[in-house]
Amino acid sequence: MARKIMAPLTIETVRSLKAGDSVLLSGVVYTARDAAHLRMQTAIQKGEKLPFDLKGQVIYYAGPTPTPKGRQSGSIGPTTATRMDSTTPLLLQSGLMGMIGKGARGENVKKAMQECPSVYFAALGGGAALMAKCVKSVEVIAYEDLGTESVKRLILSDLPLIVAQDCYGNDYYQQGQKEYINMHKKCR
């Protein structure tokens, strides 16, 4: 059974989540991909103000497609998270507590997630149209010139996710592979 959680996240929520947990995320989440991450990294390094306070926030590595008439959002599927691995540790040090994407993360991010307690959620790749139904509003808040890669403020209701990596260094991608291999051995 999926656990309902709210964004922005609290340290208590982050510490209570374990790799493999199913969650339904509601609340405010921001979208940002490669180009936006680079701009935020540069702003932090220059001591400039970011377009939103990172404390407790969740960034969804996504760029929603144009919104069809009568809908709140276009399709909104996850981007491969490793594309943001070089900039993620600095964002975590600046208060970011959650990330949503697809695919495993690099060792630098796993280490940073333990040093700055945070969580990485896996979203269903290929379910972008279904996930759009969880978006209640979308507003561009920064870097509008980046088009689909602009930073957007989303309000979500029960977005289904899996905790892929927790703040204790557990990795559901690795756990799942071990379980699959063990299951396969039993079938021989």
N, C-alpha and C. Protein backbone atom coordinates (compact mmCIF):
# COMPACT_ATOMS: atom_id res chain seq x y z
N MET A 1 0.84 -1.18 0.00
CA MET A 1 0.00 0.00 0.00
C MET A 1 0.88 1.24 0.00
N ALA A 2 0.57 2.19 -0.85
CA ALA A 2 1.35 3.41 -0.98
C ALA A 2 1.08 4.35 0.19
N ARG A 3 2.14 4.98 0.63
CA ARG A 3 2.06 5.95 1.71
C ARG A 3 1.91 7.35 1.12
N LYS A 4 1.00 8.14 1.66
CA LYS A 4 0.79 9.50 1.19
C LYS A 4 1.77 10.43 1.89
N ILE A 5 2.48 11.24 1.09
CA ILE A 5 3.41 12.23 1.65
C ILE A 5 3.18 13.57 0.94
N MET A 6 3.62 14.63 1.60
CA MET A 6 3.44 15.99 1.10
C MET A 6 4.79 16.66 0.82
N ALA A 7 4.79 17.46 -0.22
CA ALA A 7 5.94 18.30 -0.52
C ALA A 7 5.53 19.75 -0.26
N PRO A 8 6.44 20.58 0.24
CA PRO A 8 7.83 20.29 0.54
C PRO A 8 7.99 19.22 1.62
N LEU A 9 9.16 18.56 1.59
CA LEU A 9 9.45 17.48 2.52
C LEU A 9 10.03 18.00 3.82
N THR A 10 9.86 17.21 4.86
CA THR A 10 10.52 17.49 6.14
C THR A 10 11.62 16.46 6.33
N ILE A 11 12.54 16.76 7.20
CA ILE A 11 13.63 15.82 7.49
C ILE A 11 13.06 14.53 8.07
N GLU A 12 11.98 14.63 8.85
CA GLU A 12 11.36 13.44 9.43
C GLU A 12 10.79 12.54 8.32
N THR A 13 10.15 13.14 7.35
CA THR A 13 9.61 12.35 6.24
C THR A 13 10.74 11.68 5.47
N VAL A 14 11.78 12.43 5.14
CA VAL A 14 12.91 11.88 4.38
C VAL A 14 13.51 10.70 5.13
N ARG A 15 13.72 10.86 6.44
CA ARG A 15 14.35 9.78 7.22
C ARG A 15 13.44 8.57 7.39
N SER A 16 12.14 8.75 7.21
CA SER A 16 11.20 7.63 7.37
C SER A 16 11.05 6.79 6.10
N LEU A 17 11.54 7.30 4.99
CA LEU A 17 11.39 6.60 3.72
C LEU A 17 12.54 5.64 3.47
N LYS A 18 12.19 4.47 2.94
CA LYS A 18 13.19 3.43 2.65
C LYS A 18 13.10 3.04 1.18
N ALA A 19 14.23 2.69 0.60
CA ALA A 19 14.26 2.24 -0.79
C ALA A 19 13.25 1.12 -0.98
N GLY A 20 12.44 1.25 -2.01
CA GLY A 20 11.40 0.27 -2.30
C GLY A 20 10.02 0.68 -1.85
N ASP A 21 9.93 1.70 -0.98
CA ASP A 21 8.62 2.17 -0.53
C ASP A 21 7.83 2.76 -1.70
N SER A 22 6.54 2.50 -1.71
CA SER A 22 5.63 3.13 -2.67
C SER A 22 5.02 4.35 -2.00
N VAL A 23 5.01 5.47 -2.72
CA VAL A 23 4.43 6.69 -2.15
C VAL A 23 3.50 7.35 -3.17
N LEU A 24 2.60 8.17 -2.63
CA LEU A 24 1.76 9.06 -3.43
C LEU A 24 2.11 10.47 -2.97
N LEU A 25 2.75 11.22 -3.85
CA LEU A 25 3.25 12.54 -3.50
C LEU A 25 2.25 13.62 -3.91
N SER A 26 1.93 14.49 -2.98
CA SER A 26 1.06 15.65 -3.23
C SER A 26 1.80 16.90 -2.77
N GLY A 27 1.31 18.05 -3.22
CA GLY A 27 1.89 19.31 -2.79
C GLY A 27 2.64 20.00 -3.91
N VAL A 28 3.51 20.93 -3.53
CA VAL A 28 4.27 21.74 -4.48
C VAL A 28 5.57 21.05 -4.85
N VAL A 29 5.79 20.91 -6.16
CA VAL A 29 7.00 20.32 -6.72
C VAL A 29 7.43 21.22 -7.88
N TYR A 30 8.72 21.30 -8.11
CA TYR A 30 9.25 22.12 -9.20
C TYR A 30 9.86 21.24 -10.28
N THR A 31 9.68 21.63 -11.55
CA THR A 31 10.35 20.92 -12.63
C THR A 31 11.64 21.65 -12.96
N ALA A 32 12.66 20.88 -13.29
CA ALA A 32 13.93 21.44 -13.76
C ALA A 32 14.73 20.31 -14.38
N ARG A 33 15.37 20.64 -15.49
CA ARG A 33 16.23 19.67 -16.16
C ARG A 33 17.62 20.26 -16.32
N ASP A 34 18.41 19.72 -17.21
CA ASP A 34 19.83 20.05 -17.37
C ASP A 34 20.12 21.56 -17.38
N ALA A 35 19.52 22.26 -18.32
CA ALA A 35 19.83 23.68 -18.50
C ALA A 35 19.47 24.50 -17.26
N ALA A 36 18.32 24.21 -16.67
CA ALA A 36 17.90 24.93 -15.46
C ALA A 36 18.83 24.60 -14.30
N HIS A 37 19.26 23.35 -14.19
CA HIS A 37 20.20 22.98 -13.13
C HIS A 37 21.51 23.74 -13.27
N LEU A 38 22.00 23.86 -14.48
CA LEU A 38 23.24 24.61 -14.69
C LEU A 38 23.08 26.07 -14.29
N ARG A 39 21.94 26.67 -14.61
CA ARG A 39 21.70 28.07 -14.22
C ARG A 39 21.60 28.20 -12.70
N MET A 40 20.94 27.25 -12.06
CA MET A 40 20.84 27.32 -10.59
C MET A 40 22.20 27.13 -9.95
N GLN A 41 23.00 26.21 -10.48
CA GLN A 41 24.35 26.00 -9.95
C GLN A 41 25.17 27.28 -10.07
N THR A 42 25.11 27.92 -11.22
CA THR A 42 25.85 29.17 -11.43
C THR A 42 25.37 30.25 -10.45
N ALA A 43 24.08 30.35 -10.26
CA ALA A 43 23.53 31.35 -9.33
C ALA A 43 24.04 31.09 -7.91
N ILE A 44 24.01 29.84 -7.48
CA ILE A 44 24.49 29.50 -6.13
C ILE A 44 25.96 29.87 -6.00
N GLN A 45 26.75 29.50 -6.99
CA GLN A 45 28.19 29.78 -6.95
C GLN A 45 28.50 31.27 -6.93
N LYS A 46 27.63 32.08 -7.55
CA LYS A 46 27.81 33.53 -7.57
C LYS A 46 27.15 34.22 -6.38
N GLY A 47 26.46 33.44 -5.53
CA GLY A 47 25.78 34.02 -4.39
C GLY A 47 24.49 34.73 -4.75
N GLU A 48 23.94 34.42 -5.92
CA GLU A 48 22.69 35.04 -6.37
C GLU A 48 21.48 34.27 -5.85
N LYS A 49 20.37 34.97 -5.83
CA LYS A 49 19.12 34.37 -5.37
C LYS A 49 18.58 33.40 -6.42
N LEU A 50 18.08 32.26 -5.96
CA LEU A 50 17.46 31.28 -6.86
C LEU A 50 15.99 31.65 -7.11
N PRO A 51 15.39 31.08 -8.16
CA PRO A 51 13.99 31.40 -8.45
C PRO A 51 13.01 30.88 -7.40
N PHE A 52 13.45 29.95 -6.55
CA PHE A 52 12.64 29.46 -5.43
C PHE A 52 13.58 28.96 -4.36
N ASP A 53 13.12 28.99 -3.11
CA ASP A 53 13.91 28.51 -1.98
C ASP A 53 13.97 26.99 -2.05
N LEU A 54 15.16 26.43 -2.07
CA LEU A 54 15.33 24.97 -2.19
C LEU A 54 14.99 24.20 -0.92
N LYS A 55 14.91 24.87 0.20
CA LYS A 55 14.73 24.17 1.48
C LYS A 55 13.50 23.26 1.48
N GLY A 56 13.77 21.95 1.59
CA GLY A 56 12.71 20.95 1.67
C GLY A 56 12.04 20.62 0.35
N GLN A 57 12.46 21.27 -0.71
CA GLN A 57 11.76 21.12 -1.99
C GLN A 57 12.09 19.82 -2.71
N VAL A 58 11.22 19.50 -3.66
CA VAL A 58 11.38 18.36 -4.55
C VAL A 58 11.45 18.90 -5.97
N ILE A 59 12.45 18.43 -6.72
CA ILE A 59 12.56 18.77 -8.14
C ILE A 59 12.24 17.53 -8.95
N TYR A 60 11.34 17.71 -9.90
CA TYR A 60 10.94 16.66 -10.83
C TYR A 60 11.71 16.91 -12.12
N TYR A 61 12.53 15.95 -12.51
CA TYR A 61 13.29 16.06 -13.75
C TYR A 61 12.35 15.79 -14.92
N ALA A 62 11.65 16.83 -15.32
CA ALA A 62 10.64 16.69 -16.37
C ALA A 62 10.45 18.02 -17.08
N GLY A 63 9.93 17.92 -18.27
CA GLY A 63 9.54 19.09 -19.04
C GLY A 63 8.19 18.79 -19.66
N PRO A 64 7.11 19.25 -19.01
CA PRO A 64 5.78 18.92 -19.52
C PRO A 64 5.59 19.37 -20.96
N THR A 65 4.87 18.56 -21.71
CA THR A 65 4.52 18.94 -23.08
C THR A 65 3.45 20.04 -23.01
N PRO A 66 3.18 20.71 -24.11
CA PRO A 66 2.13 21.74 -24.09
C PRO A 66 0.81 21.19 -23.55
N THR A 67 0.10 22.05 -22.84
CA THR A 67 -1.15 21.64 -22.19
C THR A 67 -2.30 21.61 -23.20
N PRO A 68 -2.92 20.44 -23.33
CA PRO A 68 -4.10 20.36 -24.22
C PRO A 68 -5.28 21.12 -23.63
N LYS A 69 -6.16 21.58 -24.50
CA LYS A 69 -7.35 22.31 -24.06
C LYS A 69 -8.14 21.45 -23.06
N GLY A 70 -8.53 22.09 -21.96
CA GLY A 70 -9.34 21.40 -20.95
C GLY A 70 -8.54 20.59 -19.95
N ARG A 71 -7.22 20.60 -20.04
CA ARG A 71 -6.37 19.85 -19.11
C ARG A 71 -5.52 20.81 -18.29
N GLN A 72 -4.99 20.35 -17.18
CA GLN A 72 -4.11 21.16 -16.34
C GLN A 72 -2.66 21.11 -16.81
N SER A 73 -2.30 19.99 -17.46
CA SER A 73 -0.91 19.79 -17.89
C SER A 73 -0.87 18.86 -19.08
N GLY A 74 0.18 19.04 -19.88
CA GLY A 74 0.46 18.07 -20.92
C GLY A 74 1.15 16.87 -20.29
N SER A 75 1.50 15.90 -21.10
CA SER A 75 2.22 14.72 -20.60
C SER A 75 3.45 15.17 -19.85
N ILE A 76 3.75 14.47 -18.75
CA ILE A 76 4.86 14.88 -17.89
C ILE A 76 5.61 13.66 -17.38
N GLY A 77 6.47 13.16 -18.24
CA GLY A 77 7.25 11.97 -17.89
C GLY A 77 8.62 12.34 -17.37
N PRO A 78 9.24 11.42 -16.64
CA PRO A 78 10.55 11.67 -16.05
C PRO A 78 11.69 11.64 -17.06
N THR A 79 12.68 12.48 -16.81
CA THR A 79 13.93 12.50 -17.57
C THR A 79 14.95 11.65 -16.84
N THR A 80 15.90 11.09 -17.57
CA THR A 80 16.96 10.29 -16.97
C THR A 80 17.76 11.15 -15.99
N ALA A 81 17.80 10.70 -14.75
CA ALA A 81 18.35 11.50 -13.65
C ALA A 81 19.85 11.73 -13.73
N THR A 82 20.60 10.80 -14.31
CA THR A 82 22.06 10.97 -14.34
C THR A 82 22.47 12.24 -15.07
N ARG A 83 21.59 12.77 -15.90
CA ARG A 83 21.90 14.03 -16.60
C ARG A 83 22.08 15.18 -15.62
N MET A 84 21.54 15.06 -14.42
CA MET A 84 21.64 16.12 -13.41
C MET A 84 22.68 15.79 -12.32
N ASP A 85 23.36 14.65 -12.43
CA ASP A 85 24.27 14.21 -11.36
C ASP A 85 25.39 15.20 -11.05
N SER A 86 25.90 15.91 -12.03
CA SER A 86 27.01 16.83 -11.77
C SER A 86 26.59 18.04 -10.94
N THR A 87 25.34 18.44 -11.04
CA THR A 87 24.87 19.63 -10.31
C THR A 87 24.10 19.30 -9.04
N THR A 88 23.68 18.06 -8.89
CA THR A 88 22.82 17.69 -7.76
C THR A 88 23.46 17.88 -6.38
N PRO A 89 24.72 17.47 -6.15
CA PRO A 89 25.27 17.65 -4.80
C PRO A 89 25.18 19.09 -4.28
N LEU A 90 25.47 20.07 -5.13
CA LEU A 90 25.39 21.47 -4.70
C LEU A 90 23.96 21.86 -4.35
N LEU A 91 22.98 21.39 -5.13
CA LEU A 91 21.58 21.69 -4.82
C LEU A 91 21.16 21.04 -3.51
N LEU A 92 21.64 19.83 -3.25
CA LEU A 92 21.33 19.16 -1.98
C LEU A 92 21.93 19.94 -0.81
N GLN A 93 23.15 20.40 -0.98
CA GLN A 93 23.80 21.21 0.07
C GLN A 93 23.04 22.51 0.30
N SER A 94 22.32 22.97 -0.69
CA SER A 94 21.56 24.21 -0.60
C SER A 94 20.13 24.01 -0.10
N GLY A 95 19.77 22.76 0.29
CA GLY A 95 18.47 22.52 0.91
C GLY A 95 17.52 21.60 0.19
N LEU A 96 17.80 21.26 -1.07
CA LEU A 96 16.93 20.34 -1.81
C LEU A 96 16.84 19.02 -1.06
N MET A 97 15.62 18.45 -0.94
CA MET A 97 15.45 17.20 -0.20
C MET A 97 14.89 16.05 -1.03
N GLY A 98 14.38 16.35 -2.22
CA GLY A 98 13.81 15.27 -3.01
C GLY A 98 13.99 15.51 -4.50
N MET A 99 14.12 14.41 -5.22
CA MET A 99 14.26 14.45 -6.66
C MET A 99 13.40 13.34 -7.24
N ILE A 100 12.84 13.60 -8.43
CA ILE A 100 12.03 12.61 -9.14
C ILE A 100 12.61 12.46 -10.54
N GLY A 101 12.87 11.23 -10.94
CA GLY A 101 13.39 10.99 -12.28
C GLY A 101 13.26 9.53 -12.63
N LYS A 102 14.10 9.10 -13.57
CA LYS A 102 14.15 7.68 -13.89
C LYS A 102 15.62 7.28 -14.01
N GLY A 103 15.89 6.03 -13.68
CA GLY A 103 17.24 5.50 -13.75
C GLY A 103 18.02 5.75 -12.47
N ALA A 104 19.04 4.94 -12.28
CA ALA A 104 19.88 5.02 -11.08
C ALA A 104 20.71 6.29 -11.07
N ARG A 105 21.23 6.64 -9.89
CA ARG A 105 22.07 7.82 -9.71
C ARG A 105 23.53 7.41 -9.53
N GLY A 106 24.42 8.35 -9.79
CA GLY A 106 25.84 8.11 -9.62
C GLY A 106 26.24 8.11 -8.16
N GLU A 107 27.42 7.60 -7.90
CA GLU A 107 27.94 7.50 -6.53
C GLU A 107 28.06 8.87 -5.87
N ASN A 108 28.40 9.91 -6.64
CA ASN A 108 28.52 11.25 -6.06
C ASN A 108 27.18 11.74 -5.49
N VAL A 109 26.09 11.38 -6.16
CA VAL A 109 24.77 11.79 -5.68
C VAL A 109 24.37 10.95 -4.47
N LYS A 110 24.62 9.64 -4.52
CA LYS A 110 24.28 8.77 -3.38
C LYS A 110 24.99 9.25 -2.11
N LYS A 111 26.26 9.61 -2.25
CA LYS A 111 27.03 10.10 -1.11
C LYS A 111 26.44 11.42 -0.60
N ALA A 112 26.13 12.33 -1.51
CA ALA A 112 25.56 13.62 -1.13
C ALA A 112 24.20 13.44 -0.45
N MET A 113 23.42 12.44 -0.89
CA MET A 113 22.11 12.19 -0.29
C MET A 113 22.23 11.71 1.15
N GLN A 114 23.32 11.05 1.48
CA GLN A 114 23.54 10.63 2.86
C GLN A 114 24.06 11.80 3.71
N GLU A 115 24.91 12.62 3.13
CA GLU A 115 25.46 13.78 3.84
C GLU A 115 24.39 14.85 4.08
N CYS A 116 23.52 15.04 3.12
CA CYS A 116 22.42 16.00 3.19
C CYS A 116 21.15 15.17 3.03
N PRO A 117 20.60 14.64 4.13
CA PRO A 117 19.50 13.68 4.00
C PRO A 117 18.45 14.09 2.98
N SER A 118 18.30 13.22 1.98
CA SER A 118 17.38 13.47 0.89
C SER A 118 16.96 12.14 0.28
N VAL A 119 16.03 12.21 -0.66
CA VAL A 119 15.45 11.00 -1.25
C VAL A 119 15.30 11.19 -2.75
N TYR A 120 15.50 10.08 -3.46
CA TYR A 120 15.31 10.08 -4.91
C TYR A 120 14.17 9.13 -5.22
N PHE A 121 13.16 9.67 -5.89
CA PHE A 121 11.99 8.89 -6.27
C PHE A 121 12.08 8.52 -7.75
N ALA A 122 11.68 7.30 -8.06
CA ALA A 122 11.58 6.88 -9.46
C ALA A 122 10.13 7.03 -9.90
N ALA A 123 9.98 7.65 -11.06
CA ALA A 123 8.66 7.80 -11.67
C ALA A 123 8.57 6.80 -12.81
N LEU A 124 7.39 6.44 -13.16
CA LEU A 124 7.14 5.45 -14.20
C LEU A 124 7.47 6.03 -15.57
N GLY A 125 8.52 5.51 -16.19
CA GLY A 125 8.83 5.89 -17.56
C GLY A 125 7.75 5.32 -18.47
N GLY A 126 7.28 6.09 -19.42
CA GLY A 126 6.23 5.62 -20.33
C GLY A 126 4.82 5.93 -19.84
N GLY A 127 4.70 6.45 -18.63
CA GLY A 127 3.38 6.76 -18.08
C GLY A 127 3.10 8.24 -18.03
N ALA A 128 3.72 9.01 -18.91
CA ALA A 128 3.64 10.47 -18.86
C ALA A 128 2.23 11.01 -18.96
N ALA A 129 1.42 10.43 -19.82
CA ALA A 129 0.04 10.91 -19.97
C ALA A 129 -0.78 10.63 -18.72
N LEU A 130 -0.56 9.46 -18.12
CA LEU A 130 -1.27 9.12 -16.88
C LEU A 130 -0.82 10.01 -15.74
N MET A 131 0.49 10.29 -15.68
CA MET A 131 1.02 11.12 -14.60
C MET A 131 0.49 12.54 -14.68
N ALA A 132 0.19 13.01 -15.88
CA ALA A 132 -0.34 14.37 -16.05
C ALA A 132 -1.66 14.53 -15.30
N LYS A 133 -2.38 13.45 -15.10
CA LYS A 133 -3.65 13.53 -14.38
C LYS A 133 -3.46 13.89 -12.91
N CYS A 134 -2.24 13.72 -12.39
CA CYS A 134 -1.94 14.07 -11.00
C CYS A 134 -1.56 15.54 -10.84
N VAL A 135 -1.39 16.25 -11.94
CA VAL A 135 -1.00 17.66 -11.92
C VAL A 135 -2.26 18.52 -11.86
N LYS A 136 -2.37 19.31 -10.80
CA LYS A 136 -3.53 20.18 -10.62
C LYS A 136 -3.30 21.59 -11.14
N SER A 137 -2.03 22.03 -11.20
CA SER A 137 -1.71 23.32 -11.81
C SER A 137 -0.24 23.36 -12.21
N VAL A 138 0.07 24.18 -13.21
CA VAL A 138 1.42 24.39 -13.72
C VAL A 138 1.62 25.87 -13.92
N GLU A 139 2.75 26.38 -13.43
CA GLU A 139 3.07 27.80 -13.60
C GLU A 139 4.57 27.93 -13.86
N VAL A 140 4.96 28.57 -14.95
CA VAL A 140 6.37 28.85 -15.22
C VAL A 140 6.82 29.92 -14.24
N ILE A 141 7.91 29.64 -13.51
CA ILE A 141 8.38 30.63 -12.53
C ILE A 141 9.77 31.17 -12.84
N ALA A 142 10.52 30.50 -13.75
CA ALA A 142 11.88 30.99 -14.05
C ALA A 142 12.39 30.39 -15.36
N TYR A 143 13.31 31.12 -15.96
CA TYR A 143 14.03 30.67 -17.16
C TYR A 143 13.07 30.33 -18.29
N GLU A 144 12.09 31.19 -18.51
CA GLU A 144 11.08 30.97 -19.54
C GLU A 144 11.70 30.76 -20.92
N ASP A 145 12.88 31.37 -21.14
CA ASP A 145 13.55 31.23 -22.43
C ASP A 145 13.97 29.79 -22.72
N LEU A 146 13.96 28.92 -21.72
CA LEU A 146 14.35 27.52 -21.91
C LEU A 146 13.20 26.65 -22.42
N GLY A 147 12.03 27.24 -22.61
CA GLY A 147 10.89 26.47 -23.13
C GLY A 147 10.49 25.34 -22.20
N THR A 148 10.49 24.11 -22.72
CA THR A 148 10.07 22.97 -21.88
C THR A 148 11.01 22.76 -20.70
N GLU A 149 12.23 23.29 -20.79
CA GLU A 149 13.17 23.14 -19.68
C GLU A 149 13.10 24.29 -18.67
N SER A 150 12.14 25.19 -18.82
CA SER A 150 11.97 26.25 -17.83
C SER A 150 11.60 25.63 -16.48
N VAL A 151 11.80 26.39 -15.43
CA VAL A 151 11.41 25.91 -14.10
C VAL A 151 9.91 26.20 -13.93
N LYS A 152 9.19 25.16 -13.59
CA LYS A 152 7.74 25.27 -13.39
C LYS A 152 7.38 24.85 -11.98
N ARG A 153 6.39 25.52 -11.44
CA ARG A 153 5.84 25.16 -10.13
C ARG A 153 4.59 24.33 -10.39
N LEU A 154 4.61 23.10 -9.91
CA LEU A 154 3.47 22.20 -10.06
C LEU A 154 2.78 22.03 -8.72
N ILE A 155 1.48 21.85 -8.76
CA ILE A 155 0.76 21.36 -7.60
C ILE A 155 0.27 19.97 -7.98
N LEU A 156 0.71 18.99 -7.21
CA LEU A 156 0.41 17.59 -7.48
C LEU A 156 -0.59 17.02 -6.50
N SER A 157 -1.29 16.00 -6.96
CA SER A 157 -2.19 15.24 -6.09
C SER A 157 -1.95 13.76 -6.35
N ASP A 158 -1.35 13.09 -5.38
CA ASP A 158 -1.14 11.64 -5.40
C ASP A 158 -0.38 11.12 -6.62
N LEU A 159 0.78 11.73 -6.90
CA LEU A 159 1.64 11.23 -7.97
C LEU A 159 2.29 9.94 -7.47
N PRO A 160 2.08 8.80 -8.18
CA PRO A 160 2.64 7.53 -7.72
C PRO A 160 4.13 7.42 -8.03
N LEU A 161 4.90 7.12 -6.99
CA LEU A 161 6.36 7.03 -7.09
C LEU A 161 6.88 5.87 -6.26
N ILE A 162 8.11 5.47 -6.53
CA ILE A 162 8.82 4.48 -5.73
C ILE A 162 10.07 5.17 -5.17
N VAL A 163 10.39 4.92 -3.91
CA VAL A 163 11.65 5.42 -3.36
C VAL A 163 12.76 4.57 -3.98
N ALA A 164 13.52 5.19 -4.87
CA ALA A 164 14.59 4.47 -5.56
C ALA A 164 15.86 4.45 -4.72
N GLN A 165 16.17 5.58 -4.08
CA GLN A 165 17.35 5.66 -3.23
C GLN A 165 17.00 6.50 -2.01
N ASP A 166 17.34 5.97 -0.85
CA ASP A 166 17.01 6.68 0.39
C ASP A 166 18.24 7.35 0.98
N CYS A 167 18.04 8.04 2.09
CA CYS A 167 19.13 8.80 2.70
C CYS A 167 20.12 7.92 3.46
N TYR A 168 19.90 6.61 3.46
CA TYR A 168 20.79 5.67 4.15
C TYR A 168 21.71 4.94 3.18
N GLY A 169 21.64 5.29 1.90
CA GLY A 169 22.49 4.66 0.90
C GLY A 169 21.88 3.43 0.25
N ASN A 170 20.64 3.11 0.61
CA ASN A 170 19.98 1.95 0.00
C ASN A 170 19.51 2.31 -1.40
N ASP A 171 19.65 1.37 -2.31
CA ASP A 171 19.36 1.60 -3.72
C ASP A 171 18.43 0.50 -4.22
N TYR A 172 17.19 0.89 -4.53
CA TYR A 172 16.20 -0.09 -4.97
C TYR A 172 16.55 -0.69 -6.34
N TYR A 173 17.26 0.05 -7.16
CA TYR A 173 17.71 -0.50 -8.43
C TYR A 173 18.62 -1.70 -8.18
N GLN A 174 19.55 -1.59 -7.24
CA GLN A 174 20.44 -2.70 -6.91
C GLN A 174 19.69 -3.82 -6.21
N GLN A 175 18.82 -3.46 -5.27
CA GLN A 175 18.03 -4.48 -4.56
C GLN A 175 17.17 -5.27 -5.53
N GLY A 176 16.53 -4.58 -6.46
CA GLY A 176 15.66 -5.24 -7.44
C GLY A 176 16.43 -6.20 -8.33
N GLN A 177 17.64 -5.82 -8.73
CA GLN A 177 18.46 -6.71 -9.55
C GLN A 177 18.83 -7.97 -8.78
N LYS A 178 19.19 -7.82 -7.52
CA LYS A 178 19.55 -8.99 -6.69
C LYS A 178 18.34 -9.91 -6.53
N GLU A 179 17.18 -9.31 -6.28
CA GLU A 179 15.96 -10.12 -6.12
C GLU A 179 15.64 -10.87 -7.41
N TYR A 180 15.80 -10.21 -8.55
CA TYR A 180 15.53 -10.83 -9.84
C TYR A 180 16.49 -11.99 -10.09
N ILE A 181 17.77 -11.77 -9.82
CA ILE A 181 18.78 -12.82 -10.02
C ILE A 181 18.48 -14.00 -9.12
N ASN A 182 18.18 -13.75 -7.86
CA ASN A 182 17.85 -14.84 -6.93
C ASN A 182 16.60 -15.60 -7.37
N MET A 183 15.60 -14.89 -7.85
CA MET A 183 14.38 -15.53 -8.33
C MET A 183 14.69 -16.38 -9.56
N HIS A 184 15.52 -15.85 -10.44
CA HIS A 184 15.89 -16.58 -11.66
C HIS A 184 16.65 -17.85 -11.32
N LYS A 185 17.51 -17.81 -10.33
CA LYS A 185 18.27 -19.00 -9.91
C LYS A 185 17.35 -20.08 -9.41
N LYS A 186 16.29 -19.71 -8.70
CA LYS A 186 15.34 -20.67 -8.17
C LYS A 186 14.54 -21.34 -9.28
N CYS A 187 14.39 -20.69 -10.41
CA CYS A 187 13.59 -21.21 -11.52
C CYS A 187 14.36 -22.22 -12.36
N ARG A 188 15.62 -22.34 -12.16
CA ARG A 188 16.44 -23.27 -12.98
C ARG A 188 16.29 -24.67 -12.53
